Amino acid sequence: MKVVLQRTKKAAVHIDGECVGQIQNGVVLLVGITHEDTIEDAEYLVEKITHLRIFEDENGKMNMSLKDSKGQVLSVSQFTLYGDTRKGRRPNFTDAAKPEQALELYKTFNQLLREKGLHVETGRFGAMMDVSLVNDGPVTFILESKKV
């Protein structure tokens, strides 16, 4: 699994003009799933995301986690994170999991975040979405469950 995490002051996802998820102060997670990913990959990333110290404390140092700061999560499925652009001009998506497999693991990933006590909003799997956010910092990290 691969997640692009962006610390945000506010974020929302719209589909056909309808807001289907929005948060204040937290993180936007763009979540990519490959065909080799398992629940262990989801558990690893949930643990990392929940406890990664990326929020500022009273001294302006990144010493607080998402859980510490009571931050919210906007999780958006993003199969294009596994697009291979090394050859040609059209991305190849053979590394992205098939939709059925990806959907189940994406649901599990979001449920695991909720089980950590986090407020989680989502987009809609497989839909064309408009995602807007105010990146706080900017602070952005790329997290992967497998060693590259």
N, C-alpha and C. Protein backbone atom coordinates (compact mmCIF):
# COMPACT_ATOMS: atom_id res chain seq x y z
N MET A 1 0.84 -1.19 0.00
CA MET A 1 0.00 0.00 0.00
C MET A 1 0.87 1.23 0.00
N LYS A 2 0.32 2.27 -0.57
CA LYS A 2 1.01 3.55 -0.63
C LYS A 2 0.00 4.62 -0.25
N VAL A 3 0.42 5.55 0.62
CA VAL A 3 -0.45 6.63 1.05
C VAL A 3 0.31 7.95 0.92
N VAL A 4 -0.32 8.91 0.27
CA VAL A 4 0.17 10.28 0.30
C VAL A 4 -0.64 10.98 1.38
N LEU A 5 0.06 11.43 2.42
CA LEU A 5 -0.55 12.08 3.58
C LEU A 5 -0.26 13.56 3.51
N GLN A 6 -1.31 14.38 3.59
CA GLN A 6 -1.14 15.82 3.61
C GLN A 6 -1.83 16.38 4.85
N ARG A 7 -1.05 17.09 5.68
CA ARG A 7 -1.65 17.75 6.83
C ARG A 7 -2.50 18.90 6.31
N THR A 8 -3.70 19.04 6.86
CA THR A 8 -4.62 20.02 6.30
C THR A 8 -5.38 20.80 7.37
N LYS A 9 -5.73 22.02 7.03
CA LYS A 9 -6.57 22.83 7.89
C LYS A 9 -8.05 22.56 7.62
N LYS A 10 -8.35 22.21 6.37
CA LYS A 10 -9.70 21.80 5.99
C LYS A 10 -9.62 21.11 4.64
N ALA A 11 -10.57 20.20 4.41
CA ALA A 11 -10.58 19.47 3.15
C ALA A 11 -11.99 18.94 2.89
N ALA A 12 -12.28 18.73 1.62
CA ALA A 12 -13.58 18.20 1.24
C ALA A 12 -13.47 17.43 -0.06
N VAL A 13 -14.39 16.51 -0.25
CA VAL A 13 -14.50 15.79 -1.51
C VAL A 13 -15.93 15.92 -2.01
N HIS A 14 -16.04 16.29 -3.29
CA HIS A 14 -17.34 16.48 -3.94
C HIS A 14 -17.47 15.53 -5.12
N ILE A 15 -18.67 15.02 -5.33
CA ILE A 15 -18.99 14.21 -6.50
C ILE A 15 -20.23 14.81 -7.13
N ASP A 16 -20.11 15.21 -8.39
CA ASP A 16 -21.23 15.84 -9.11
C ASP A 16 -21.85 16.99 -8.32
N GLY A 17 -20.97 17.80 -7.70
CA GLY A 17 -21.43 18.97 -6.97
C GLY A 17 -21.90 18.70 -5.55
N GLU A 18 -21.99 17.44 -5.16
CA GLU A 18 -22.45 17.08 -3.80
C GLU A 18 -21.25 16.79 -2.90
N CYS A 19 -21.23 17.41 -1.73
CA CYS A 19 -20.17 17.14 -0.76
C CYS A 19 -20.45 15.79 -0.10
N VAL A 20 -19.52 14.85 -0.27
CA VAL A 20 -19.71 13.52 0.31
C VAL A 20 -18.80 13.28 1.52
N GLY A 21 -17.87 14.19 1.76
CA GLY A 21 -17.00 14.09 2.93
C GLY A 21 -16.23 15.37 3.13
N GLN A 22 -16.10 15.79 4.40
CA GLN A 22 -15.30 16.98 4.68
C GLN A 22 -14.78 16.93 6.10
N ILE A 23 -13.63 17.56 6.30
CA ILE A 23 -13.00 17.58 7.62
C ILE A 23 -12.42 18.96 7.90
N GLN A 24 -12.09 19.16 9.16
CA GLN A 24 -11.34 20.32 9.63
C GLN A 24 -10.10 19.77 10.34
N ASN A 25 -8.98 20.43 10.22
CA ASN A 25 -7.75 20.09 10.96
C ASN A 25 -7.49 18.59 11.08
N GLY A 26 -6.64 18.11 10.23
CA GLY A 26 -6.29 16.70 10.24
C GLY A 26 -5.43 16.36 9.06
N VAL A 27 -5.77 15.25 8.40
CA VAL A 27 -4.99 14.78 7.26
C VAL A 27 -5.89 14.32 6.13
N VAL A 28 -5.42 14.56 4.92
CA VAL A 28 -6.01 13.96 3.73
C VAL A 28 -5.09 12.79 3.38
N LEU A 29 -5.70 11.63 3.17
CA LEU A 29 -4.95 10.43 2.79
C LEU A 29 -5.37 10.01 1.40
N LEU A 30 -4.44 10.03 0.46
CA LEU A 30 -4.68 9.46 -0.87
C LEU A 30 -4.14 8.04 -0.79
N VAL A 31 -5.00 7.05 -0.95
CA VAL A 31 -4.69 5.65 -0.64
C VAL A 31 -4.62 4.81 -1.91
N GLY A 32 -3.44 4.26 -2.18
CA GLY A 32 -3.26 3.37 -3.32
C GLY A 32 -3.02 1.95 -2.85
N ILE A 33 -3.61 1.00 -3.57
CA ILE A 33 -3.50 -0.41 -3.20
C ILE A 33 -3.03 -1.21 -4.40
N THR A 34 -2.03 -2.05 -4.17
CA THR A 34 -1.52 -2.93 -5.22
C THR A 34 -2.00 -4.35 -4.96
N HIS A 35 -1.89 -5.20 -5.96
CA HIS A 35 -2.46 -6.55 -5.88
C HIS A 35 -1.80 -7.44 -4.83
N GLU A 36 -0.63 -7.08 -4.34
CA GLU A 36 0.07 -7.89 -3.33
C GLU A 36 -0.28 -7.46 -1.89
N ASP A 37 -1.03 -6.40 -1.73
CA ASP A 37 -1.30 -5.87 -0.39
C ASP A 37 -2.26 -6.76 0.39
N THR A 38 -2.03 -6.76 1.71
CA THR A 38 -2.83 -7.58 2.63
C THR A 38 -3.30 -6.72 3.79
N ILE A 39 -4.06 -7.31 4.68
CA ILE A 39 -4.52 -6.60 5.87
C ILE A 39 -3.34 -6.15 6.73
N GLU A 40 -2.25 -6.90 6.70
CA GLU A 40 -1.05 -6.51 7.46
C GLU A 40 -0.50 -5.18 6.96
N ASP A 41 -0.57 -4.95 5.64
CA ASP A 41 -0.12 -3.67 5.09
C ASP A 41 -1.01 -2.54 5.60
N ALA A 42 -2.32 -2.78 5.61
CA ALA A 42 -3.26 -1.77 6.12
C ALA A 42 -3.00 -1.49 7.59
N GLU A 43 -2.80 -2.54 8.38
CA GLU A 43 -2.55 -2.37 9.82
C GLU A 43 -1.27 -1.57 10.06
N TYR A 44 -0.21 -1.86 9.30
CA TYR A 44 1.05 -1.14 9.44
C TYR A 44 0.85 0.36 9.17
N LEU A 45 0.17 0.68 8.06
CA LEU A 45 -0.02 2.08 7.71
C LEU A 45 -0.95 2.80 8.68
N VAL A 46 -1.98 2.14 9.15
CA VAL A 46 -2.88 2.75 10.14
C VAL A 46 -2.11 3.09 11.41
N GLU A 47 -1.29 2.18 11.86
CA GLU A 47 -0.48 2.43 13.06
C GLU A 47 0.46 3.61 12.82
N LYS A 48 1.11 3.65 11.68
CA LYS A 48 2.03 4.74 11.35
C LYS A 48 1.30 6.07 11.27
N ILE A 49 0.19 6.10 10.56
CA ILE A 49 -0.58 7.34 10.38
C ILE A 49 -1.12 7.86 11.71
N THR A 50 -1.61 6.97 12.54
CA THR A 50 -2.20 7.36 13.82
C THR A 50 -1.17 8.00 14.75
N HIS A 51 0.07 7.50 14.73
CA HIS A 51 1.06 7.92 15.73
C HIS A 51 2.23 8.75 15.18
N LEU A 52 2.26 8.99 13.87
CA LEU A 52 3.32 9.80 13.28
C LEU A 52 3.22 11.22 13.83
N ARG A 53 4.32 11.73 14.36
CA ARG A 53 4.30 13.05 15.01
C ARG A 53 4.53 14.15 13.97
N ILE A 54 3.42 14.65 13.42
CA ILE A 54 3.49 15.64 12.34
C ILE A 54 2.73 16.92 12.67
N PHE A 55 2.16 17.00 13.88
CA PHE A 55 1.43 18.19 14.28
C PHE A 55 2.25 18.95 15.32
N GLU A 56 2.16 20.27 15.27
CA GLU A 56 2.98 21.10 16.14
C GLU A 56 2.43 21.16 17.56
N ASP A 57 3.36 21.15 18.52
CA ASP A 57 3.00 21.34 19.92
C ASP A 57 3.00 22.84 20.23
N GLU A 58 2.88 23.18 21.50
CA GLU A 58 2.81 24.59 21.90
C GLU A 58 4.09 25.36 21.59
N ASN A 59 5.19 24.64 21.33
CA ASN A 59 6.46 25.29 20.99
C ASN A 59 6.73 25.30 19.49
N GLY A 60 5.77 24.90 18.71
CA GLY A 60 5.93 24.92 17.26
C GLY A 60 6.73 23.75 16.70
N LYS A 61 6.98 22.73 17.51
CA LYS A 61 7.73 21.54 17.07
C LYS A 61 6.75 20.43 16.69
N MET A 62 7.11 19.66 15.68
CA MET A 62 6.26 18.53 15.29
C MET A 62 6.45 17.40 16.30
N ASN A 63 5.68 17.46 17.37
CA ASN A 63 5.76 16.48 18.44
C ASN A 63 4.43 15.79 18.71
N MET A 64 3.38 16.17 18.00
CA MET A 64 2.06 15.61 18.28
C MET A 64 1.59 14.74 17.11
N SER A 65 0.91 13.67 17.45
CA SER A 65 0.36 12.76 16.45
C SER A 65 -1.05 13.19 16.06
N LEU A 66 -1.59 12.53 15.08
CA LEU A 66 -2.98 12.74 14.68
C LEU A 66 -3.91 12.48 15.86
N LYS A 67 -3.63 11.41 16.58
CA LYS A 67 -4.45 11.04 17.75
C LYS A 67 -4.31 12.10 18.85
N ASP A 68 -3.06 12.54 19.13
CA ASP A 68 -2.82 13.57 20.15
C ASP A 68 -3.56 14.86 19.84
N SER A 69 -3.57 15.24 18.57
CA SER A 69 -4.14 16.52 18.16
C SER A 69 -5.65 16.44 17.90
N LYS A 70 -6.20 15.23 18.06
CA LYS A 70 -7.63 15.00 17.78
C LYS A 70 -7.99 15.41 16.36
N GLY A 71 -7.04 15.15 15.44
CA GLY A 71 -7.24 15.47 14.03
C GLY A 71 -8.21 14.51 13.36
N GLN A 72 -8.77 14.97 12.27
CA GLN A 72 -9.71 14.18 11.49
C GLN A 72 -9.03 13.65 10.23
N VAL A 73 -9.67 12.69 9.58
CA VAL A 73 -9.11 12.04 8.39
C VAL A 73 -10.11 12.14 7.24
N LEU A 74 -9.60 12.55 6.07
CA LEU A 74 -10.34 12.42 4.82
C LEU A 74 -9.56 11.43 3.98
N SER A 75 -10.13 10.25 3.78
CA SER A 75 -9.48 9.16 3.07
C SER A 75 -10.08 9.04 1.67
N VAL A 76 -9.20 9.08 0.66
CA VAL A 76 -9.64 9.04 -0.73
C VAL A 76 -8.87 7.94 -1.47
N SER A 77 -9.60 7.03 -2.05
CA SER A 77 -9.01 5.97 -2.85
C SER A 77 -8.31 6.58 -4.07
N GLN A 78 -7.09 6.09 -4.38
CA GLN A 78 -6.29 6.72 -5.43
C GLN A 78 -5.46 5.68 -6.16
N PHE A 79 -6.08 4.94 -7.09
CA PHE A 79 -5.36 3.87 -7.78
C PHE A 79 -4.21 4.39 -8.62
N THR A 80 -4.25 5.67 -9.01
CA THR A 80 -3.19 6.21 -9.85
C THR A 80 -1.84 6.31 -9.14
N LEU A 81 -1.83 6.11 -7.81
CA LEU A 81 -0.54 6.08 -7.10
C LEU A 81 0.32 4.91 -7.58
N TYR A 82 -0.32 3.90 -8.17
CA TYR A 82 0.42 2.77 -8.72
C TYR A 82 0.54 2.84 -10.24
N GLY A 83 0.39 4.02 -10.80
CA GLY A 83 0.62 4.20 -12.23
C GLY A 83 2.11 4.23 -12.52
N ASP A 84 2.53 3.45 -13.48
CA ASP A 84 3.94 3.39 -13.89
C ASP A 84 4.11 4.28 -15.11
N THR A 85 4.91 5.33 -14.97
CA THR A 85 5.11 6.30 -16.06
C THR A 85 6.50 6.23 -16.67
N ARG A 86 7.24 5.16 -16.38
CA ARG A 86 8.62 5.07 -16.86
C ARG A 86 8.72 4.90 -18.37
N LYS A 87 7.77 4.24 -18.99
CA LYS A 87 7.83 4.01 -20.43
C LYS A 87 6.65 4.68 -21.12
N GLY A 88 6.92 5.27 -22.25
CA GLY A 88 5.86 5.86 -23.04
C GLY A 88 5.27 7.10 -22.41
N ARG A 89 4.07 7.45 -22.89
CA ARG A 89 3.42 8.67 -22.43
C ARG A 89 2.08 8.41 -21.76
N ARG A 90 1.68 7.16 -21.73
CA ARG A 90 0.43 6.80 -21.06
C ARG A 90 0.79 5.92 -19.86
N PRO A 91 0.30 6.28 -18.66
CA PRO A 91 0.61 5.47 -17.49
C PRO A 91 0.08 4.04 -17.63
N ASN A 92 0.82 3.12 -17.06
CA ASN A 92 0.43 1.71 -17.02
C ASN A 92 -0.03 1.42 -15.59
N PHE A 93 -1.22 0.83 -15.45
CA PHE A 93 -1.79 0.61 -14.12
C PHE A 93 -1.82 -0.86 -13.72
N THR A 94 -0.93 -1.67 -14.29
CA THR A 94 -0.95 -3.10 -13.97
C THR A 94 -0.56 -3.37 -12.51
N ASP A 95 0.12 -2.44 -11.85
CA ASP A 95 0.49 -2.64 -10.45
C ASP A 95 -0.65 -2.31 -9.49
N ALA A 96 -1.68 -1.63 -9.97
CA ALA A 96 -2.84 -1.31 -9.12
C ALA A 96 -3.70 -2.56 -8.94
N ALA A 97 -4.22 -2.74 -7.74
CA ALA A 97 -5.09 -3.89 -7.46
C ALA A 97 -6.37 -3.78 -8.28
N LYS A 98 -6.96 -4.92 -8.58
CA LYS A 98 -8.26 -4.96 -9.24
C LYS A 98 -9.28 -4.29 -8.31
N PRO A 99 -10.30 -3.64 -8.87
CA PRO A 99 -11.25 -2.89 -8.04
C PRO A 99 -11.87 -3.67 -6.89
N GLU A 100 -12.26 -4.92 -7.12
CA GLU A 100 -12.90 -5.70 -6.05
C GLU A 100 -11.96 -5.89 -4.86
N GLN A 101 -10.71 -6.24 -5.15
CA GLN A 101 -9.72 -6.45 -4.09
C GLN A 101 -9.40 -5.12 -3.40
N ALA A 102 -9.21 -4.08 -4.18
CA ALA A 102 -8.85 -2.78 -3.62
C ALA A 102 -9.97 -2.24 -2.73
N LEU A 103 -11.21 -2.39 -3.16
CA LEU A 103 -12.34 -1.88 -2.39
C LEU A 103 -12.39 -2.52 -1.01
N GLU A 104 -12.23 -3.82 -0.94
CA GLU A 104 -12.29 -4.51 0.36
C GLU A 104 -11.18 -4.05 1.29
N LEU A 105 -9.95 -3.92 0.77
CA LEU A 105 -8.84 -3.49 1.62
C LEU A 105 -8.98 -2.02 1.99
N TYR A 106 -9.50 -1.21 1.09
CA TYR A 106 -9.73 0.21 1.38
C TYR A 106 -10.77 0.35 2.50
N LYS A 107 -11.83 -0.41 2.45
CA LYS A 107 -12.84 -0.39 3.52
C LYS A 107 -12.22 -0.83 4.85
N THR A 108 -11.43 -1.88 4.82
CA THR A 108 -10.76 -2.37 6.02
C THR A 108 -9.83 -1.31 6.60
N PHE A 109 -9.04 -0.67 5.73
CA PHE A 109 -8.12 0.40 6.13
C PHE A 109 -8.88 1.51 6.87
N ASN A 110 -10.00 1.95 6.31
CA ASN A 110 -10.78 3.03 6.94
C ASN A 110 -11.40 2.57 8.26
N GLN A 111 -11.84 1.32 8.32
CA GLN A 111 -12.40 0.79 9.56
C GLN A 111 -11.33 0.71 10.64
N LEU A 112 -10.12 0.31 10.27
CA LEU A 112 -9.02 0.25 11.24
C LEU A 112 -8.70 1.65 11.79
N LEU A 113 -8.76 2.66 10.94
CA LEU A 113 -8.55 4.04 11.41
C LEU A 113 -9.64 4.42 12.42
N ARG A 114 -10.88 4.06 12.11
CA ARG A 114 -11.99 4.36 13.04
C ARG A 114 -11.81 3.64 14.37
N GLU A 115 -11.32 2.42 14.30
CA GLU A 115 -11.10 1.65 15.53
C GLU A 115 -10.01 2.25 16.40
N LYS A 116 -9.17 3.11 15.82
CA LYS A 116 -8.17 3.85 16.60
C LYS A 116 -8.78 5.10 17.25
N GLY A 117 -10.07 5.30 17.05
CA GLY A 117 -10.75 6.45 17.64
C GLY A 117 -10.73 7.69 16.78
N LEU A 118 -10.37 7.56 15.51
CA LEU A 118 -10.28 8.71 14.62
C LEU A 118 -11.61 8.93 13.88
N HIS A 119 -11.91 10.20 13.65
CA HIS A 119 -13.06 10.56 12.82
C HIS A 119 -12.61 10.46 11.37
N VAL A 120 -13.27 9.59 10.58
CA VAL A 120 -12.87 9.34 9.20
C VAL A 120 -14.02 9.64 8.26
N GLU A 121 -13.75 10.51 7.30
CA GLU A 121 -14.65 10.77 6.18
C GLU A 121 -13.98 10.18 4.94
N THR A 122 -14.79 9.85 3.93
CA THR A 122 -14.22 9.27 2.72
C THR A 122 -14.85 9.89 1.49
N GLY A 123 -14.19 9.61 0.37
CA GLY A 123 -14.79 9.88 -0.92
C GLY A 123 -15.64 8.66 -1.27
N ARG A 124 -15.86 8.45 -2.55
CA ARG A 124 -16.61 7.28 -2.99
C ARG A 124 -15.71 6.48 -3.93
N PHE A 125 -15.45 5.24 -3.56
CA PHE A 125 -14.54 4.38 -4.30
C PHE A 125 -14.96 4.30 -5.76
N GLY A 126 -14.02 4.53 -6.67
CA GLY A 126 -14.26 4.38 -8.10
C GLY A 126 -14.92 5.57 -8.77
N ALA A 127 -15.32 6.57 -8.01
CA ALA A 127 -16.00 7.74 -8.58
C ALA A 127 -14.98 8.79 -9.02
N MET A 128 -15.40 9.64 -9.94
CA MET A 128 -14.63 10.83 -10.28
C MET A 128 -14.93 11.85 -9.19
N MET A 129 -13.90 12.31 -8.49
CA MET A 129 -14.09 13.17 -7.33
C MET A 129 -13.31 14.47 -7.50
N ASP A 130 -13.85 15.52 -6.92
CA ASP A 130 -13.14 16.79 -6.80
C ASP A 130 -12.70 16.89 -5.34
N VAL A 131 -11.40 16.86 -5.12
CA VAL A 131 -10.84 16.93 -3.77
C VAL A 131 -10.21 18.29 -3.58
N SER A 132 -10.61 18.99 -2.53
CA SER A 132 -10.02 20.30 -2.23
C SER A 132 -9.48 20.27 -0.81
N LEU A 133 -8.36 20.99 -0.61
CA LEU A 133 -7.80 21.05 0.72
C LEU A 133 -6.93 22.28 0.87
N VAL A 134 -6.74 22.67 2.11
CA VAL A 134 -5.76 23.69 2.46
C VAL A 134 -4.64 22.94 3.16
N ASN A 135 -3.52 22.77 2.45
CA ASN A 135 -2.39 22.03 3.00
C ASN A 135 -1.74 22.89 4.07
N ASP A 136 -1.64 22.36 5.27
CA ASP A 136 -1.11 23.07 6.43
C ASP A 136 0.39 22.86 6.49
N GLY A 137 1.14 23.90 6.21
CA GLY A 137 2.59 23.82 6.30
C GLY A 137 3.30 24.45 5.12
N PRO A 138 3.31 23.81 3.98
CA PRO A 138 2.73 22.51 3.62
C PRO A 138 3.51 21.36 4.23
N VAL A 139 2.78 20.37 4.68
CA VAL A 139 3.35 19.14 5.23
C VAL A 139 2.77 17.97 4.44
N THR A 140 3.63 17.27 3.72
CA THR A 140 3.21 16.12 2.91
C THR A 140 4.23 15.00 3.05
N PHE A 141 3.73 13.77 3.24
CA PHE A 141 4.59 12.60 3.35
C PHE A 141 4.05 11.49 2.45
N ILE A 142 4.96 10.68 1.93
CA ILE A 142 4.58 9.48 1.18
C ILE A 142 4.94 8.29 2.07
N LEU A 143 3.94 7.48 2.41
CA LEU A 143 4.12 6.32 3.27
C LEU A 143 3.89 5.05 2.46
N GLU A 144 4.74 4.06 2.66
CA GLU A 144 4.57 2.79 1.97
C GLU A 144 4.69 1.65 2.97
N SER A 145 3.91 0.61 2.73
CA SER A 145 3.94 -0.52 3.65
C SER A 145 5.05 -1.51 3.28
N LYS A 146 5.53 -1.47 2.06
CA LYS A 146 6.58 -2.38 1.62
C LYS A 146 7.88 -1.61 1.45
N LYS A 147 8.99 -2.26 1.70
CA LYS A 147 10.28 -1.64 1.43
C LYS A 147 10.50 -1.63 -0.07
N VAL A 148 10.98 -0.51 -0.56
CA VAL A 148 11.22 -0.37 -2.00
C VAL A 148 12.59 -0.88 -2.35
